[in-house]
Amino acid sequence: MRWKSPARWKGLRTGKGTPLSPLAAALRLLARRPYSVAEMRRALEKRYPQSSEVGTTIARLREIHYLDDKKFAEHYASSLVRNRAFGRQRIRRELKAKLVDYRHIEPALDQAFTETGERELLEQTLAKKLRTLRLPLTPTKLASLCQSLMRRGFRAEDIFKAVRAHPELRTVAEDASPPEEENF
């Protein structure tokens, strides 16, 4: 059904007449997705640049455990391992991009890789990529494969060991040198 005029749906809008308090805005943001403390502070300061209530809002959200960097980092890292099959380096970059406190990143990574080891995750990802790869493998295809695995956050040494362990890739891998480690 199409809306015929703006007057018909005007009453369905919420929050347009009265401005929201920073706490109400923060709760709306948190209803969509989890935020780190610094990420929420940045979002609220952008929305309320002159408000002194942003600090008290952040403190209140931390007090009622709606904002917790440690819990956020653990859940986010675990989700990236399970659903996206990212390696340790990529998850570290993602957590830094989410402005998570640096003290919570390494423990979250350690906990995320306790269920599934990084080496096992690399083997699964490589096997999945090999199913779509057309053989025979050329040095260019091997380099592309290694670069794609490095973008997923796996270490170059681990990638090369995993590639050499596969018999169909061993002949090309022995001629090539290990890819250079990217620093981000």
N, C-alpha and C. Protein backbone atom coordinates (compact mmCIF):
# COMPACT_ATOMS: atom_id res chain seq x y z
N MET A 1 0.83 -1.17 0.00
CA MET A 1 0.00 0.00 0.00
C MET A 1 0.88 1.24 0.00
N ARG A 2 0.61 2.15 -0.86
CA ARG A 2 1.41 3.38 -0.96
C ARG A 2 0.78 4.46 -0.10
N TRP A 3 1.64 5.28 0.46
CA TRP A 3 1.17 6.41 1.25
C TRP A 3 0.83 7.54 0.28
N LYS A 4 -0.33 8.13 0.44
CA LYS A 4 -0.78 9.13 -0.52
C LYS A 4 -0.23 10.51 -0.22
N SER A 5 -0.09 10.85 1.02
CA SER A 5 0.42 12.18 1.33
C SER A 5 1.23 12.11 2.62
N PRO A 6 2.10 13.09 2.81
CA PRO A 6 2.92 13.09 4.03
C PRO A 6 2.08 13.19 5.30
N ALA A 7 0.88 13.79 5.23
CA ALA A 7 0.05 13.94 6.41
C ALA A 7 -0.36 12.59 6.98
N ARG A 8 -0.51 11.60 6.14
CA ARG A 8 -0.97 10.30 6.59
C ARG A 8 0.07 9.59 7.44
N TRP A 9 1.34 9.71 7.08
CA TRP A 9 2.36 9.03 7.86
C TRP A 9 3.07 9.94 8.83
N LYS A 10 2.69 11.19 8.88
CA LYS A 10 3.34 12.14 9.78
C LYS A 10 3.17 11.73 11.24
N GLY A 11 2.01 11.21 11.59
CA GLY A 11 1.77 10.81 12.96
C GLY A 11 2.51 9.56 13.38
N LEU A 12 3.02 8.79 12.42
CA LEU A 12 3.74 7.56 12.74
C LEU A 12 5.18 7.81 13.14
N ARG A 13 5.70 8.97 12.83
CA ARG A 13 7.07 9.29 13.21
C ARG A 13 7.15 9.50 14.71
N THR A 14 8.23 9.05 15.29
CA THR A 14 8.42 9.26 16.72
C THR A 14 9.67 10.08 16.93
N GLY A 15 9.60 10.96 17.89
CA GLY A 15 10.78 11.71 18.25
C GLY A 15 11.07 12.91 17.38
N LYS A 16 10.25 13.25 16.44
CA LYS A 16 10.54 14.39 15.57
C LYS A 16 10.14 15.71 16.23
N GLY A 17 9.10 15.68 17.08
CA GLY A 17 8.62 16.91 17.69
C GLY A 17 9.51 17.38 18.82
N THR A 18 9.91 16.48 19.70
CA THR A 18 10.74 16.85 20.84
C THR A 18 12.11 16.22 20.68
N PRO A 19 13.14 16.99 20.99
CA PRO A 19 14.49 16.41 20.87
C PRO A 19 14.72 15.35 21.95
N LEU A 20 15.46 14.32 21.59
CA LEU A 20 15.76 13.23 22.52
C LEU A 20 16.87 13.66 23.48
N SER A 21 16.84 13.10 24.66
CA SER A 21 17.95 13.30 25.58
C SER A 21 19.11 12.43 25.10
N PRO A 22 20.32 12.75 25.50
CA PRO A 22 21.45 11.89 25.09
C PRO A 22 21.28 10.43 25.54
N LEU A 23 20.68 10.21 26.70
CA LEU A 23 20.47 8.84 27.16
C LEU A 23 19.49 8.09 26.26
N ALA A 24 18.41 8.75 25.89
CA ALA A 24 17.43 8.12 25.00
C ALA A 24 18.05 7.85 23.62
N ALA A 25 18.85 8.78 23.14
CA ALA A 25 19.52 8.58 21.84
C ALA A 25 20.51 7.43 21.92
N ALA A 26 21.24 7.34 23.03
CA ALA A 26 22.20 6.25 23.20
C ALA A 26 21.48 4.90 23.26
N LEU A 27 20.36 4.85 23.95
CA LEU A 27 19.60 3.60 24.02
C LEU A 27 19.06 3.19 22.66
N ARG A 28 18.67 4.18 21.86
CA ARG A 28 18.23 3.86 20.49
C ARG A 28 19.38 3.32 19.66
N LEU A 29 20.56 3.92 19.81
CA LEU A 29 21.73 3.42 19.08
C LEU A 29 22.07 2.00 19.51
N LEU A 30 22.02 1.75 20.80
CA LEU A 30 22.35 0.42 21.31
C LEU A 30 21.31 -0.63 20.94
N ALA A 31 20.11 -0.19 20.64
CA ALA A 31 19.08 -1.14 20.22
C ALA A 31 19.39 -1.70 18.83
N ARG A 32 20.13 -0.95 18.04
CA ARG A 32 20.48 -1.40 16.69
C ARG A 32 21.66 -2.36 16.68
N ARG A 33 22.72 -1.99 17.42
CA ARG A 33 23.93 -2.80 17.46
C ARG A 33 24.75 -2.42 18.68
N PRO A 34 25.67 -3.28 19.12
CA PRO A 34 26.51 -2.93 20.26
C PRO A 34 27.57 -1.89 19.87
N TYR A 35 27.97 -1.10 20.83
CA TYR A 35 28.98 -0.06 20.63
C TYR A 35 30.06 -0.20 21.69
N SER A 36 31.27 0.21 21.34
CA SER A 36 32.31 0.35 22.35
C SER A 36 32.10 1.69 23.04
N VAL A 37 32.78 1.90 24.15
CA VAL A 37 32.60 3.14 24.92
C VAL A 37 33.01 4.35 24.08
N ALA A 38 34.17 4.29 23.47
CA ALA A 38 34.66 5.44 22.68
C ALA A 38 33.81 5.67 21.45
N GLU A 39 33.31 4.61 20.86
CA GLU A 39 32.45 4.73 19.69
C GLU A 39 31.13 5.43 20.05
N MET A 40 30.58 5.06 21.20
CA MET A 40 29.34 5.69 21.66
C MET A 40 29.58 7.15 22.02
N ARG A 41 30.70 7.42 22.68
CA ARG A 41 31.03 8.81 23.02
C ARG A 41 31.14 9.65 21.74
N ARG A 42 31.79 9.12 20.73
CA ARG A 42 31.94 9.84 19.47
C ARG A 42 30.58 10.10 18.82
N ALA A 43 29.71 9.10 18.83
CA ALA A 43 28.38 9.24 18.22
C ALA A 43 27.55 10.28 18.97
N LEU A 44 27.61 10.25 20.30
CA LEU A 44 26.83 11.21 21.07
C LEU A 44 27.39 12.63 20.97
N GLU A 45 28.70 12.76 20.94
CA GLU A 45 29.29 14.09 20.80
C GLU A 45 29.02 14.68 19.43
N LYS A 46 28.88 13.84 18.45
CA LYS A 46 28.53 14.32 17.11
C LYS A 46 27.09 14.81 17.09
N ARG A 47 26.21 14.09 17.77
CA ARG A 47 24.79 14.45 17.79
C ARG A 47 24.50 15.62 18.75
N TYR A 48 25.23 15.67 19.86
CA TYR A 48 25.04 16.72 20.87
C TYR A 48 26.39 17.41 21.13
N PRO A 49 26.84 18.29 20.25
CA PRO A 49 28.18 18.85 20.37
C PRO A 49 28.38 19.75 21.59
N GLN A 50 27.37 20.47 22.02
CA GLN A 50 27.53 21.41 23.13
C GLN A 50 26.98 20.88 24.45
N SER A 51 26.52 19.65 24.48
CA SER A 51 25.87 19.12 25.66
C SER A 51 26.88 18.61 26.67
N SER A 52 26.63 18.94 27.94
CA SER A 52 27.48 18.43 29.01
C SER A 52 26.95 17.09 29.53
N GLU A 53 25.83 16.63 29.01
CA GLU A 53 25.21 15.39 29.48
C GLU A 53 25.84 14.14 28.86
N VAL A 54 26.69 14.31 27.86
CA VAL A 54 27.28 13.15 27.18
C VAL A 54 28.12 12.33 28.16
N GLY A 55 28.92 12.99 28.97
CA GLY A 55 29.75 12.28 29.95
C GLY A 55 28.92 11.53 30.98
N THR A 56 27.87 12.16 31.46
CA THR A 56 27.01 11.49 32.44
C THR A 56 26.24 10.34 31.80
N THR A 57 25.88 10.50 30.54
CA THR A 57 25.19 9.42 29.82
C THR A 57 26.10 8.21 29.67
N ILE A 58 27.35 8.44 29.29
CA ILE A 58 28.31 7.34 29.15
C ILE A 58 28.52 6.67 30.50
N ALA A 59 28.65 7.47 31.55
CA ALA A 59 28.84 6.90 32.89
C ALA A 59 27.63 6.05 33.30
N ARG A 60 26.44 6.53 33.01
CA ARG A 60 25.23 5.78 33.37
C ARG A 60 25.14 4.48 32.58
N LEU A 61 25.47 4.52 31.29
CA LEU A 61 25.43 3.30 30.48
C LEU A 61 26.47 2.28 30.95
N ARG A 62 27.60 2.75 31.40
CA ARG A 62 28.62 1.84 31.93
C ARG A 62 28.17 1.26 33.27
N GLU A 63 27.49 2.08 34.06
CA GLU A 63 27.02 1.65 35.37
C GLU A 63 25.98 0.54 35.25
N ILE A 64 25.10 0.64 34.28
CA ILE A 64 24.07 -0.39 34.11
C ILE A 64 24.52 -1.49 33.14
N HIS A 65 25.80 -1.49 32.80
CA HIS A 65 26.46 -2.52 31.98
C HIS A 65 25.92 -2.61 30.56
N TYR A 66 25.47 -1.48 30.02
CA TYR A 66 25.09 -1.44 28.61
C TYR A 66 26.30 -1.18 27.74
N LEU A 67 27.31 -0.53 28.31
CA LEU A 67 28.58 -0.30 27.61
C LEU A 67 29.68 -0.97 28.42
N ASP A 68 30.40 -1.87 27.78
CA ASP A 68 31.51 -2.56 28.43
C ASP A 68 32.48 -2.99 27.33
N ASP A 69 33.64 -2.36 27.29
CA ASP A 69 34.61 -2.64 26.23
C ASP A 69 35.08 -4.09 26.27
N LYS A 70 35.28 -4.64 27.45
CA LYS A 70 35.78 -6.01 27.56
C LYS A 70 34.76 -6.99 26.96
N LYS A 71 33.51 -6.85 27.37
CA LYS A 71 32.46 -7.74 26.86
C LYS A 71 32.25 -7.53 25.36
N PHE A 72 32.28 -6.27 24.92
CA PHE A 72 32.11 -5.97 23.51
C PHE A 72 33.22 -6.61 22.69
N ALA A 73 34.48 -6.46 23.14
CA ALA A 73 35.61 -7.02 22.40
C ALA A 73 35.52 -8.54 22.32
N GLU A 74 35.14 -9.18 23.42
CA GLU A 74 35.03 -10.64 23.42
C GLU A 74 33.96 -11.12 22.45
N HIS A 75 32.80 -10.49 22.49
CA HIS A 75 31.70 -10.91 21.61
C HIS A 75 32.02 -10.62 20.14
N TYR A 76 32.59 -9.46 19.88
CA TYR A 76 32.89 -9.08 18.50
C TYR A 76 33.97 -9.98 17.90
N ALA A 77 35.02 -10.24 18.67
CA ALA A 77 36.09 -11.12 18.19
C ALA A 77 35.58 -12.53 17.96
N SER A 78 34.80 -13.03 18.88
CA SER A 78 34.23 -14.38 18.74
C SER A 78 33.33 -14.46 17.51
N SER A 79 32.56 -13.43 17.29
CA SER A 79 31.68 -13.40 16.12
C SER A 79 32.47 -13.40 14.82
N LEU A 80 33.55 -12.64 14.76
CA LEU A 80 34.37 -12.59 13.55
C LEU A 80 35.07 -13.91 13.29
N VAL A 81 35.45 -14.61 14.33
CA VAL A 81 36.09 -15.92 14.15
C VAL A 81 35.07 -16.93 13.63
N ARG A 82 33.90 -16.99 14.27
CA ARG A 82 32.90 -17.98 13.90
C ARG A 82 32.26 -17.71 12.54
N ASN A 83 31.88 -16.46 12.30
CA ASN A 83 31.08 -16.15 11.12
C ASN A 83 31.88 -15.72 9.90
N ARG A 84 33.00 -15.05 10.09
CA ARG A 84 33.75 -14.51 8.97
C ARG A 84 35.07 -15.23 8.74
N ALA A 85 35.50 -16.07 9.67
CA ALA A 85 36.76 -16.82 9.59
C ALA A 85 37.95 -15.89 9.38
N PHE A 86 38.02 -14.85 10.22
CA PHE A 86 39.14 -13.92 10.16
C PHE A 86 40.25 -14.40 11.08
N GLY A 87 41.47 -14.05 10.71
CA GLY A 87 42.63 -14.37 11.52
C GLY A 87 42.85 -13.32 12.61
N ARG A 88 43.85 -13.58 13.42
CA ARG A 88 44.15 -12.74 14.58
C ARG A 88 44.46 -11.30 14.19
N GLN A 89 45.25 -11.09 13.16
CA GLN A 89 45.64 -9.74 12.78
C GLN A 89 44.46 -8.91 12.27
N ARG A 90 43.59 -9.52 11.50
CA ARG A 90 42.42 -8.80 10.97
C ARG A 90 41.46 -8.43 12.10
N ILE A 91 41.26 -9.33 13.03
CA ILE A 91 40.36 -9.04 14.15
C ILE A 91 40.95 -7.93 15.01
N ARG A 92 42.25 -7.94 15.20
CA ARG A 92 42.91 -6.86 15.95
C ARG A 92 42.66 -5.52 15.28
N ARG A 93 42.79 -5.48 13.95
CA ARG A 93 42.54 -4.23 13.21
C ARG A 93 41.08 -3.80 13.34
N GLU A 94 40.16 -4.76 13.26
CA GLU A 94 38.73 -4.44 13.37
C GLU A 94 38.40 -3.88 14.75
N LEU A 95 38.98 -4.47 15.80
CA LEU A 95 38.72 -3.97 17.15
C LEU A 95 39.30 -2.58 17.35
N LYS A 96 40.47 -2.33 16.77
CA LYS A 96 41.04 -0.98 16.86
C LYS A 96 40.18 0.02 16.11
N ALA A 97 39.61 -0.39 15.00
CA ALA A 97 38.73 0.49 14.24
C ALA A 97 37.45 0.78 15.00
N LYS A 98 37.02 -0.14 15.85
CA LYS A 98 35.83 0.07 16.69
C LYS A 98 36.17 0.85 17.96
N LEU A 99 37.40 1.32 18.08
CA LEU A 99 37.86 2.15 19.19
C LEU A 99 37.80 1.45 20.53
N VAL A 100 38.05 0.14 20.53
CA VAL A 100 38.06 -0.63 21.77
C VAL A 100 39.35 -0.30 22.52
N ASP A 101 39.26 -0.23 23.83
CA ASP A 101 40.42 0.03 24.67
C ASP A 101 41.48 -1.05 24.42
N TYR A 102 42.71 -0.63 24.22
CA TYR A 102 43.77 -1.56 23.82
C TYR A 102 44.01 -2.66 24.84
N ARG A 103 43.69 -2.43 26.11
CA ARG A 103 43.91 -3.45 27.15
C ARG A 103 42.98 -4.65 27.00
N HIS A 104 41.88 -4.49 26.28
CA HIS A 104 40.91 -5.57 26.15
C HIS A 104 41.05 -6.35 24.84
N ILE A 105 41.91 -5.90 23.94
CA ILE A 105 42.01 -6.54 22.63
C ILE A 105 42.68 -7.91 22.70
N GLU A 106 43.86 -7.99 23.29
CA GLU A 106 44.59 -9.27 23.32
C GLU A 106 43.85 -10.35 24.11
N PRO A 107 43.30 -10.04 25.29
CA PRO A 107 42.52 -11.10 25.98
C PRO A 107 41.31 -11.57 25.17
N ALA A 108 40.68 -10.65 24.45
CA ALA A 108 39.53 -11.03 23.61
C ALA A 108 39.98 -11.94 22.47
N LEU A 109 41.14 -11.65 21.89
CA LEU A 109 41.67 -12.50 20.82
C LEU A 109 42.01 -13.89 21.35
N ASP A 110 42.63 -13.94 22.52
CA ASP A 110 42.97 -15.24 23.10
C ASP A 110 41.72 -16.07 23.36
N GLN A 111 40.68 -15.43 23.89
CA GLN A 111 39.44 -16.16 24.16
C GLN A 111 38.76 -16.60 22.87
N ALA A 112 38.80 -15.77 21.83
CA ALA A 112 38.12 -16.10 20.57
C ALA A 112 38.76 -17.32 19.90
N PHE A 113 40.07 -17.46 20.06
CA PHE A 113 40.76 -18.57 19.40
C PHE A 113 40.94 -19.79 20.30
N THR A 114 40.28 -19.82 21.45
CA THR A 114 40.35 -21.03 22.28
C THR A 114 39.44 -22.11 21.72
N GLU A 115 38.27 -21.72 21.19
CA GLU A 115 37.34 -22.70 20.63
C GLU A 115 37.90 -23.30 19.35
N THR A 116 38.29 -22.45 18.44
CA THR A 116 38.85 -22.88 17.16
C THR A 116 40.23 -22.27 17.04
N GLY A 117 41.23 -23.11 16.84
CA GLY A 117 42.58 -22.61 16.71
C GLY A 117 42.76 -21.86 15.40
N GLU A 118 43.69 -20.92 15.40
CA GLU A 118 43.91 -20.12 14.20
C GLU A 118 44.42 -20.98 13.05
N ARG A 119 45.24 -21.96 13.35
CA ARG A 119 45.76 -22.85 12.31
C ARG A 119 44.63 -23.67 11.68
N GLU A 120 43.72 -24.17 12.51
CA GLU A 120 42.58 -24.94 12.02
C GLU A 120 41.66 -24.07 11.16
N LEU A 121 41.47 -22.83 11.59
CA LEU A 121 40.64 -21.89 10.83
C LEU A 121 41.28 -21.58 9.48
N LEU A 122 42.60 -21.45 9.46
CA LEU A 122 43.33 -21.22 8.20
C LEU A 122 43.15 -22.41 7.27
N GLU A 123 43.25 -23.62 7.80
CA GLU A 123 43.07 -24.83 6.98
C GLU A 123 41.67 -24.88 6.37
N GLN A 124 40.65 -24.54 7.17
CA GLN A 124 39.28 -24.54 6.67
C GLN A 124 39.10 -23.50 5.57
N THR A 125 39.65 -22.31 5.78
CA THR A 125 39.52 -21.24 4.79
C THR A 125 40.25 -21.60 3.50
N LEU A 126 41.45 -22.18 3.63
CA LEU A 126 42.22 -22.58 2.46
C LEU A 126 41.49 -23.68 1.69
N ALA A 127 40.92 -24.64 2.39
CA ALA A 127 40.17 -25.71 1.72
C ALA A 127 38.97 -25.14 0.97
N LYS A 128 38.31 -24.17 1.56
CA LYS A 128 37.17 -23.54 0.90
C LYS A 128 37.60 -22.79 -0.35
N LYS A 129 38.73 -22.10 -0.28
CA LYS A 129 39.23 -21.37 -1.44
C LYS A 129 39.72 -22.32 -2.53
N LEU A 130 40.27 -23.46 -2.14
CA LEU A 130 40.76 -24.42 -3.13
C LEU A 130 39.63 -25.06 -3.93
N ARG A 131 38.44 -25.15 -3.34
CA ARG A 131 37.30 -25.71 -4.06
C ARG A 131 36.90 -24.84 -5.24
N THR A 132 37.12 -23.55 -5.15
CA THR A 132 36.74 -22.63 -6.23
C THR A 132 37.90 -22.30 -7.15
N LEU A 133 39.09 -22.76 -6.80
CA LEU A 133 40.29 -22.43 -7.59
C LEU A 133 40.44 -23.42 -8.74
N ARG A 134 40.70 -22.88 -9.90
CA ARG A 134 40.92 -23.75 -11.07
C ARG A 134 42.38 -24.17 -11.13
N LEU A 135 42.58 -25.44 -11.25
CA LEU A 135 43.93 -25.98 -11.38
C LEU A 135 44.25 -26.15 -12.85
N PRO A 136 45.43 -26.10 -13.33
CA PRO A 136 46.69 -26.06 -12.60
C PRO A 136 46.94 -24.66 -12.02
N LEU A 137 47.65 -24.67 -10.93
CA LEU A 137 47.94 -23.45 -10.20
C LEU A 137 49.21 -22.82 -10.76
N THR A 138 49.11 -21.55 -11.09
CA THR A 138 50.27 -20.80 -11.56
C THR A 138 50.83 -19.98 -10.40
N PRO A 139 52.06 -19.51 -10.53
CA PRO A 139 52.61 -18.67 -9.46
C PRO A 139 51.76 -17.42 -9.20
N THR A 140 51.14 -16.88 -10.23
CA THR A 140 50.28 -15.71 -10.05
C THR A 140 49.06 -16.06 -9.22
N LYS A 141 48.44 -17.21 -9.51
CA LYS A 141 47.28 -17.64 -8.74
C LYS A 141 47.66 -17.94 -7.29
N LEU A 142 48.84 -18.52 -7.11
CA LEU A 142 49.31 -18.80 -5.75
C LEU A 142 49.51 -17.51 -4.97
N ALA A 143 50.10 -16.51 -5.61
CA ALA A 143 50.30 -15.22 -4.95
C ALA A 143 48.96 -14.58 -4.60
N SER A 144 48.01 -14.67 -5.50
CA SER A 144 46.68 -14.13 -5.24
C SER A 144 46.01 -14.85 -4.07
N LEU A 145 46.16 -16.17 -4.03
CA LEU A 145 45.59 -16.96 -2.95
C LEU A 145 46.21 -16.56 -1.61
N CYS A 146 47.53 -16.43 -1.59
CA CYS A 146 48.22 -16.05 -0.35
C CYS A 146 47.84 -14.65 0.10
N GLN A 147 47.72 -13.72 -0.84
CA GLN A 147 47.32 -12.35 -0.49
C GLN A 147 45.91 -12.31 0.07
N SER A 148 45.02 -13.10 -0.50
CA SER A 148 43.64 -13.10 0.01
C SER A 148 43.60 -13.66 1.43
N LEU A 149 44.41 -14.65 1.73
CA LEU A 149 44.47 -15.19 3.08
C LEU A 149 45.11 -14.19 4.05
N MET A 150 46.08 -13.44 3.56
CA MET A 150 46.69 -12.41 4.41
C MET A 150 45.70 -11.28 4.71
N ARG A 151 44.85 -10.94 3.74
CA ARG A 151 43.83 -9.92 3.99
C ARG A 151 42.82 -10.39 5.02
N ARG A 152 42.64 -11.69 5.13
CA ARG A 152 41.75 -12.23 6.15
C ARG A 152 42.40 -12.24 7.53
N GLY A 153 43.68 -11.90 7.61
CA GLY A 153 44.33 -11.72 8.89
C GLY A 153 45.21 -12.85 9.35
N PHE A 154 45.58 -13.77 8.46
CA PHE A 154 46.46 -14.86 8.83
C PHE A 154 47.91 -14.46 8.58
N ARG A 155 48.82 -15.04 9.36
CA ARG A 155 50.24 -14.73 9.22
C ARG A 155 50.81 -15.40 7.98
N ALA A 156 51.78 -14.74 7.35
CA ALA A 156 52.37 -15.23 6.10
C ALA A 156 53.05 -16.58 6.29
N GLU A 157 53.74 -16.77 7.40
CA GLU A 157 54.43 -18.04 7.63
C GLU A 157 53.44 -19.19 7.75
N ASP A 158 52.33 -18.94 8.46
CA ASP A 158 51.31 -19.97 8.61
C ASP A 158 50.66 -20.30 7.27
N ILE A 159 50.44 -19.27 6.46
CA ILE A 159 49.83 -19.48 5.15
C ILE A 159 50.74 -20.36 4.29
N PHE A 160 52.01 -20.04 4.29
CA PHE A 160 52.93 -20.79 3.43
C PHE A 160 53.08 -22.24 3.90
N LYS A 161 53.07 -22.46 5.21
CA LYS A 161 53.12 -23.83 5.72
C LYS A 161 51.86 -24.60 5.31
N ALA A 162 50.72 -23.95 5.39
CA ALA A 162 49.46 -24.61 5.01
C ALA A 162 49.41 -24.91 3.52
N VAL A 163 49.93 -23.98 2.71
CA VAL A 163 49.93 -24.18 1.25
C VAL A 163 50.87 -25.33 0.89
N ARG A 164 52.02 -25.39 1.53
CA ARG A 164 52.98 -26.46 1.24
C ARG A 164 52.47 -27.82 1.70
N ALA A 165 51.56 -27.85 2.65
CA ALA A 165 51.02 -29.11 3.16
C ALA A 165 50.05 -29.75 2.17
N HIS A 166 49.50 -28.97 1.25
CA HIS A 166 48.57 -29.52 0.25
C HIS A 166 49.37 -30.04 -0.95
N PRO A 167 49.17 -31.31 -1.32
CA PRO A 167 49.97 -31.90 -2.40
C PRO A 167 49.75 -31.23 -3.76
N GLU A 168 48.53 -30.76 -4.04
CA GLU A 168 48.28 -30.14 -5.35
C GLU A 168 48.91 -28.76 -5.46
N LEU A 169 49.29 -28.16 -4.33
CA LEU A 169 49.90 -26.83 -4.34
C LEU A 169 51.40 -26.88 -4.10
N ARG A 170 51.91 -28.02 -3.68
CA ARG A 170 53.30 -28.11 -3.25
C ARG A 170 54.30 -27.76 -4.35
N THR A 171 54.06 -28.18 -5.59
CA THR A 171 55.04 -27.95 -6.66
C THR A 171 55.20 -26.47 -6.95
N VAL A 172 54.12 -25.73 -6.98
CA VAL A 172 54.21 -24.29 -7.24
C VAL A 172 54.72 -23.57 -6.01
N ALA A 173 54.35 -24.03 -4.83
CA ALA A 173 54.73 -23.36 -3.58
C ALA A 173 56.23 -23.50 -3.31
N GLU A 174 56.84 -24.60 -3.72
CA GLU A 174 58.27 -24.78 -3.47
C GLU A 174 59.11 -23.83 -4.30
N ASP A 175 58.60 -23.45 -5.49
CA ASP A 175 59.35 -22.53 -6.34
C ASP A 175 59.20 -21.08 -5.88
N ALA A 176 58.11 -20.78 -5.23
CA ALA A 176 57.83 -19.40 -4.82
C ALA A 176 58.44 -19.13 -3.45
N SER A 177 58.65 -17.86 -3.18
CA SER A 177 59.14 -17.45 -1.87
C SER A 177 57.95 -17.02 -1.02
N PRO A 178 58.10 -17.02 0.30
CA PRO A 178 56.97 -16.60 1.16
C PRO A 178 56.56 -15.16 0.86
N PRO A 179 55.26 -14.87 0.93
CA PRO A 179 54.82 -13.50 0.69
C PRO A 179 55.27 -12.57 1.80
N GLU A 180 55.41 -11.31 1.47
CA GLU A 180 55.83 -10.33 2.46
C GLU A 180 54.70 -10.04 3.41
N GLU A 181 55.05 -9.85 4.67
CA GLU A 181 54.08 -9.56 5.71
C GLU A 181 53.65 -8.10 5.57
N GLU A 182 52.33 -7.88 5.60
CA GLU A 182 51.80 -6.52 5.53
C GLU A 182 51.67 -5.97 6.93
N ASN A 183 52.09 -4.75 7.15
CA ASN A 183 51.95 -4.12 8.46
C ASN A 183 50.87 -3.05 8.37
N PHE A 184 49.91 -3.19 9.25
CA PHE A 184 48.81 -2.22 9.27
C PHE A 184 48.80 -1.48 10.57
